Protein backbone atom coordinates (compact mmCIF):
# COMPACT_ATOMS: atom_id res chain seq x y z
CA UNK A 1 -46.57 -126.45 -12.92
CA UNK A 2 -49.31 -128.27 -14.80
CA UNK A 3 -52.74 -128.50 -13.16
CA UNK A 4 -55.02 -131.45 -13.79
CA UNK A 5 -58.67 -131.23 -12.77
CA UNK A 6 -59.92 -134.81 -12.64
CA UNK A 7 -63.56 -135.84 -12.89
CA UNK A 8 -63.33 -138.44 -10.13
CA UNK A 9 -67.04 -139.23 -10.11
CA UNK A 10 -66.88 -139.94 -13.85
CA UNK A 11 -63.84 -142.18 -13.31
CA UNK A 12 -65.37 -144.38 -10.64
CA UNK A 13 -68.90 -144.50 -12.00
CA UNK A 14 -68.37 -145.71 -15.52
CA UNK A 15 -68.55 -149.17 -17.01
CA UNK A 16 -70.46 -151.57 -14.72
CA UNK A 17 -71.23 -149.10 -11.93
CA UNK A 18 -74.46 -149.85 -10.02
CA UNK A 19 -75.75 -147.23 -7.54
CA UNK A 20 -77.57 -149.94 -5.56
CA UNK A 21 -74.25 -151.03 -4.07
CA UNK A 22 -72.67 -148.17 -2.08
CA UNK A 23 -69.85 -150.40 -0.85
CA UNK A 24 -68.83 -150.86 -4.51
CA UNK A 25 -68.81 -147.10 -4.94
CA UNK A 26 -66.58 -146.66 -1.90
CA UNK A 27 -64.18 -149.38 -3.05
CA UNK A 28 -63.93 -147.79 -6.49
CA UNK A 29 -63.20 -144.37 -4.96
CA UNK A 30 -60.43 -145.86 -2.85
CA UNK A 31 -58.88 -147.84 -5.71
CA UNK A 32 -58.91 -144.81 -8.01
CA UNK A 33 -57.34 -142.54 -5.40
CA UNK A 34 -54.68 -145.11 -4.53
CA UNK A 35 -53.74 -145.46 -8.19
CA UNK A 36 -53.53 -141.73 -8.87
CA UNK A 37 -51.66 -141.09 -5.63
CA UNK A 38 -49.04 -143.78 -6.31
CA UNK A 39 -48.41 -142.62 -9.87
CA UNK A 40 -48.39 -138.90 -9.03
CA UNK A 41 -46.11 -138.96 -6.00
CA UNK A 42 -42.85 -138.93 -8.00
CA UNK A 43 -44.12 -135.90 -9.94
CA UNK A 44 -44.54 -133.64 -6.92
CA UNK A 45 -43.38 -130.16 -7.80
CA UNK A 46 -44.17 -130.49 -11.50
CA UNK A 47 -47.90 -131.20 -11.32
CA UNK A 48 -50.92 -130.57 -9.15
CA UNK A 49 -53.87 -132.93 -9.39
CA UNK A 50 -57.28 -131.99 -8.03
CA UNK A 51 -59.80 -134.82 -8.05
CA UNK A 52 -63.45 -133.76 -7.88
CA UNK A 53 -66.31 -135.89 -6.58
CA UNK A 54 -70.03 -135.27 -6.51
CA UNK A 55 -71.75 -134.59 -3.23
CA UNK A 56 -70.81 -133.62 0.30
CA UNK A 57 -67.40 -134.10 1.88
CA UNK A 58 -66.80 -137.58 3.16
CA UNK A 59 -63.91 -139.66 4.37
CA UNK A 60 -61.70 -140.91 1.56
CA UNK A 61 -58.44 -142.76 1.12
CA UNK A 62 -55.67 -140.43 2.32
CA UNK A 63 -53.72 -138.80 -0.49
CA UNK A 64 -50.49 -136.85 -0.46
CA UNK A 65 -49.00 -134.06 -2.53
CA UNK A 66 -49.44 -133.40 -5.39
CA UNK A 67 -52.95 -134.91 -5.15
CA UNK A 68 -55.88 -133.11 -3.56
CA UNK A 69 -59.49 -134.33 -3.22
CA UNK A 70 -62.37 -131.87 -3.59
CA UNK A 71 -66.11 -132.31 -3.20
CA UNK A 72 -68.86 -130.41 -5.00
CA UNK A 73 -70.94 -129.58 -1.96
CA UNK A 74 -73.78 -127.74 -3.68
CA UNK A 75 -73.88 -129.41 -7.06
CA UNK A 76 -72.08 -131.91 -9.14
CA UNK A 77 -68.42 -132.33 -9.86
CA UNK A 78 -68.83 -131.14 -13.45
CA UNK A 79 -69.96 -127.69 -12.30
CA UNK A 80 -67.06 -127.41 -9.86
CA UNK A 81 -64.55 -128.53 -12.49
CA UNK A 82 -65.94 -126.12 -15.05
CA UNK A 83 -65.81 -123.23 -12.56
CA UNK A 84 -62.21 -123.97 -11.58
CA UNK A 85 -61.16 -124.40 -15.20
CA UNK A 86 -62.82 -121.14 -16.27
CA UNK A 87 -61.07 -119.27 -13.47
CA UNK A 88 -57.68 -120.63 -14.55
CA UNK A 89 -58.29 -119.98 -18.23
CA UNK A 90 -59.48 -116.41 -17.62
CA UNK A 91 -56.40 -115.81 -15.47
CA UNK A 92 -54.19 -116.83 -18.38
CA UNK A 93 -53.15 -120.09 -16.76
CA UNK A 94 -53.34 -123.48 -18.37
CA UNK A 95 -55.49 -126.34 -17.21
CA UNK A 96 -56.09 -129.92 -18.30
CA UNK A 97 -59.39 -131.57 -17.43
CA UNK A 98 -59.38 -135.35 -17.22
CA UNK A 99 -62.79 -136.82 -18.03
CA UNK A 100 -64.66 -139.12 -20.33
CA UNK A 101 -67.81 -137.01 -20.07
CA UNK A 102 -68.24 -135.73 -23.62
CA UNK A 103 -70.37 -132.74 -22.62
CA UNK A 104 -67.89 -131.53 -20.03
CA UNK A 105 -64.97 -132.06 -22.41
CA UNK A 106 -66.68 -130.00 -25.14
CA UNK A 107 -67.40 -127.16 -22.69
CA UNK A 108 -63.81 -127.09 -21.45
CA UNK A 109 -62.42 -127.10 -24.97
CA UNK A 110 -64.81 -124.34 -26.07
CA UNK A 111 -63.46 -122.23 -23.18
CA UNK A 112 -59.88 -122.79 -24.34
CA UNK A 113 -58.91 -125.58 -21.95
CA UNK A 114 -57.40 -128.95 -22.75
CA UNK A 115 -58.87 -132.35 -22.00
CA UNK A 116 -57.56 -135.88 -21.62
CA UNK A 117 -59.25 -139.23 -21.30
CA UNK A 118 -58.32 -141.40 -18.31
CA UNK A 119 -56.09 -143.81 -20.25
CA UNK A 120 -53.98 -140.94 -21.62
CA UNK A 121 -53.79 -139.36 -18.16
CA UNK A 122 -52.54 -142.58 -16.58
CA UNK A 123 -50.04 -143.05 -19.42
CA UNK A 124 -48.63 -139.58 -18.75
CA UNK A 125 -48.33 -140.26 -15.03
CA UNK A 126 -46.78 -143.68 -15.56
CA UNK A 127 -44.27 -142.30 -18.07
CA UNK A 128 -43.57 -139.31 -15.79
CA UNK A 129 -44.29 -136.85 -18.56
CA UNK A 130 -47.25 -135.21 -16.92
């Protein structure tokens, strides 16, 4: 089973994100989760997708297997992703981190993990070759 660790905060806060509008942030979270959930549902059993967000736990759009939402309670999502990826890599298990954060991607790759950008991730889900 392939594990994807997704940098959800990076996904929803790129392009024209403006922190002055929290309702925009919430809408982006919901739209992103809906999209991933819909595309991942047919792949249950072959993939696991953990989506990480910065900050404390909060109510989010409900997701179903194989998608799981995680919050970085005492730090940022990058630290939580890196910790989870390192654990998997050191255990001899594969991991793919989905991000467009260049620093995080370089760290993951230097540890022996794989990375994907969001467009490639969505292509894989859509084509059911995750």
